[in-house]
């Protein structure tokens, strides 16, 4: 698999946990978005760039598996990988580590597709995104 990746640290805030002090599962989707946003900034295709090029990429599939808990006050390390794809879709893989306990907390994946302004599925990757992909130094796994 060819990919590019980025890594961020997330301080677990009180507002992200439930009454047991454990991160509410829905907040992992916010962490994933933070990872996508930071990866885009790092590699020159930020959310602002997507907007300016009228690239609309709704999420059509999400998968998450939880391995151990994150609690209020913990620090999470999120590794976000963008998988190279020939198809007109964007696939991200996420690995969340609990830096406080040194355990794997969660893994996940999201898939996004290109749609036009009428929300019609685009079967071809937009040329500006193809150009951007061709300029990346993809890693090999």
Protein backbone atom coordinates (compact mmCIF):
# COMPACT_ATOMS: atom_id res chain seq x y z
CA UNK A 1 0.00 0.00 0.00
CA UNK A 2 1.25 3.48 -0.88
CA UNK A 3 0.47 6.23 1.61
CA UNK A 4 1.40 9.55 3.18
CA UNK A 5 0.95 10.14 6.89
CA UNK A 6 0.89 12.68 9.67
CA UNK A 7 0.80 12.50 13.43
CA UNK A 8 -0.77 14.77 16.05
CA UNK A 9 -1.14 14.76 19.81
CA UNK A 10 -4.57 15.26 21.33
CA UNK A 11 -5.03 16.31 24.95
CA UNK A 12 -8.21 14.66 26.23
CA UNK A 13 -10.46 17.39 27.58
CA UNK A 14 -13.23 17.11 30.13
CA UNK A 15 -15.82 17.94 27.46
CA UNK A 16 -14.82 14.82 25.49
CA UNK A 17 -15.53 12.26 28.21
CA UNK A 18 -18.68 10.65 29.54
CA UNK A 19 -19.78 10.32 33.17
CA UNK A 20 -17.21 7.56 33.70
CA UNK A 21 -14.39 9.85 32.56
CA UNK A 22 -13.88 7.81 29.36
CA UNK A 23 -13.79 9.42 25.90
CA UNK A 24 -17.25 9.16 24.37
CA UNK A 25 -16.99 7.00 21.22
CA UNK A 26 -18.38 9.72 18.91
CA UNK A 27 -15.44 11.99 19.72
CA UNK A 28 -13.12 9.64 17.85
CA UNK A 29 -14.73 10.92 14.63
CA UNK A 30 -13.69 14.44 15.67
CA UNK A 31 -10.16 13.19 16.30
CA UNK A 32 -10.16 11.60 12.85
CA UNK A 33 -11.21 14.90 11.30
CA UNK A 34 -8.44 16.69 13.18
CA UNK A 35 -6.02 14.16 11.69
CA UNK A 36 -7.33 14.67 8.14
CA UNK A 37 -7.18 18.43 8.53
CA UNK A 38 -3.62 18.40 9.82
CA UNK A 39 -2.47 15.96 7.11
CA UNK A 40 -3.97 18.23 4.46
CA UNK A 41 -2.16 21.25 5.89
CA UNK A 42 1.14 19.35 5.99
CA UNK A 43 0.88 18.14 2.38
CA UNK A 44 -0.58 21.24 0.73
CA UNK A 45 -4.22 20.26 0.30
CA UNK A 46 -5.96 21.94 3.23
CA UNK A 47 -9.69 22.21 3.79
CA UNK A 48 -9.41 25.76 2.46
CA UNK A 49 -7.72 24.47 -0.71
CA UNK A 50 -10.48 21.89 -1.17
CA UNK A 51 -13.08 24.62 -0.77
CA UNK A 52 -11.35 26.97 -3.22
CA UNK A 53 -11.17 24.19 -5.83
CA UNK A 54 -14.84 23.30 -5.22
CA UNK A 55 -13.86 19.80 -4.15
CA UNK A 56 -16.67 18.24 -2.15
CA UNK A 57 -15.77 14.99 -0.38
CA UNK A 58 -18.51 13.57 1.86
CA UNK A 59 -17.70 10.59 4.03
CA UNK A 60 -19.55 7.51 2.78
CA UNK A 61 -18.08 4.88 5.11
CA UNK A 62 -16.63 4.90 8.61
CA UNK A 63 -15.16 2.03 10.59
CA UNK A 64 -13.85 2.10 14.16
CA UNK A 65 -12.55 -0.54 16.54
CA UNK A 66 -11.81 0.28 20.15
CA UNK A 67 -8.90 -1.43 21.86
CA UNK A 68 -8.48 0.38 25.21
CA UNK A 69 -9.82 3.48 26.92
CA UNK A 70 -8.75 7.09 26.76
CA UNK A 71 -9.65 9.10 29.85
CA UNK A 72 -9.81 12.73 30.86
CA UNK A 73 -6.25 14.05 31.22
CA UNK A 74 -4.69 11.44 28.96
CA UNK A 75 -2.75 12.33 25.82
CA UNK A 76 -3.57 10.53 22.59
CA UNK A 77 -1.27 10.24 19.59
CA UNK A 78 -3.19 10.01 16.33
CA UNK A 79 -1.46 8.69 13.23
CA UNK A 80 -3.43 9.47 10.06
CA UNK A 81 -2.55 7.77 6.78
CA UNK A 82 -3.95 8.72 3.41
CA UNK A 83 -3.93 5.64 1.18
CA UNK A 84 -3.03 6.14 -2.47
CA UNK A 85 -5.99 5.22 -4.64
CA UNK A 86 -6.44 5.07 -8.41
CA UNK A 87 -10.21 5.26 -7.88
CA UNK A 88 -12.18 8.47 -7.40
CA UNK A 89 -12.22 8.12 -3.64
CA UNK A 90 -10.11 9.10 -0.65
CA UNK A 91 -9.32 6.51 2.03
CA UNK A 92 -7.83 7.40 5.41
CA UNK A 93 -6.57 4.98 8.07
CA UNK A 94 -6.26 6.06 11.70
CA UNK A 95 -4.35 4.63 14.63
CA UNK A 96 -4.93 6.14 18.05
CA UNK A 97 -2.37 5.45 20.76
CA UNK A 98 -2.77 6.35 24.42
CA UNK A 99 0.53 8.03 25.20
CA UNK A 100 -0.31 8.03 28.91
CA UNK A 101 -0.78 4.25 29.21
CA UNK A 102 1.30 3.27 26.15
CA UNK A 103 -1.60 1.20 24.79
CA UNK A 104 -3.33 1.09 21.44
CA UNK A 105 -6.67 2.86 21.97
CA UNK A 106 -8.43 2.55 18.61
CA UNK A 107 -8.10 2.01 14.88
CA UNK A 108 -10.36 3.34 12.17
CA UNK A 109 -10.92 4.08 8.53
CA UNK A 110 -12.98 6.55 6.55
CA UNK A 111 -13.80 6.64 2.85
CA UNK A 112 -14.80 9.78 1.02
CA UNK A 113 -15.98 10.24 -2.56
CA UNK A 114 -16.03 13.20 -4.90
CA UNK A 115 -19.37 14.82 -5.67
CA UNK A 116 -20.25 17.91 -7.67
CA UNK A 117 -22.18 20.92 -6.36
CA UNK A 118 -25.46 19.08 -7.09
CA UNK A 119 -24.17 16.24 -4.87
CA UNK A 120 -23.88 13.86 -7.83
CA UNK A 121 -21.19 11.20 -7.55
CA UNK A 122 -18.12 11.88 -9.71
CA UNK A 123 -16.65 8.76 -11.28
CA UNK A 124 -13.33 10.43 -12.12
CA UNK A 125 -10.93 12.07 -9.72
CA UNK A 126 -10.87 15.84 -10.35
CA UNK A 127 -7.74 16.95 -12.28
CA UNK A 128 -6.55 19.27 -9.48
CA UNK A 129 -6.57 16.36 -7.02
CA UNK A 130 -4.80 14.07 -9.52
CA UNK A 131 -2.11 16.74 -9.95
CA UNK A 132 -1.74 17.05 -6.18
CA UNK A 133 -1.41 13.24 -5.83
CA UNK A 134 1.30 13.18 -8.51
CA UNK A 135 3.36 15.70 -6.52
CA UNK A 136 3.45 13.66 -3.29
CA UNK A 137 6.31 11.46 -2.12
CA UNK A 138 4.22 8.37 -1.38
CA UNK A 139 5.64 5.88 1.09
CA UNK A 140 5.39 2.13 0.47
CA UNK A 141 4.23 -0.45 2.99
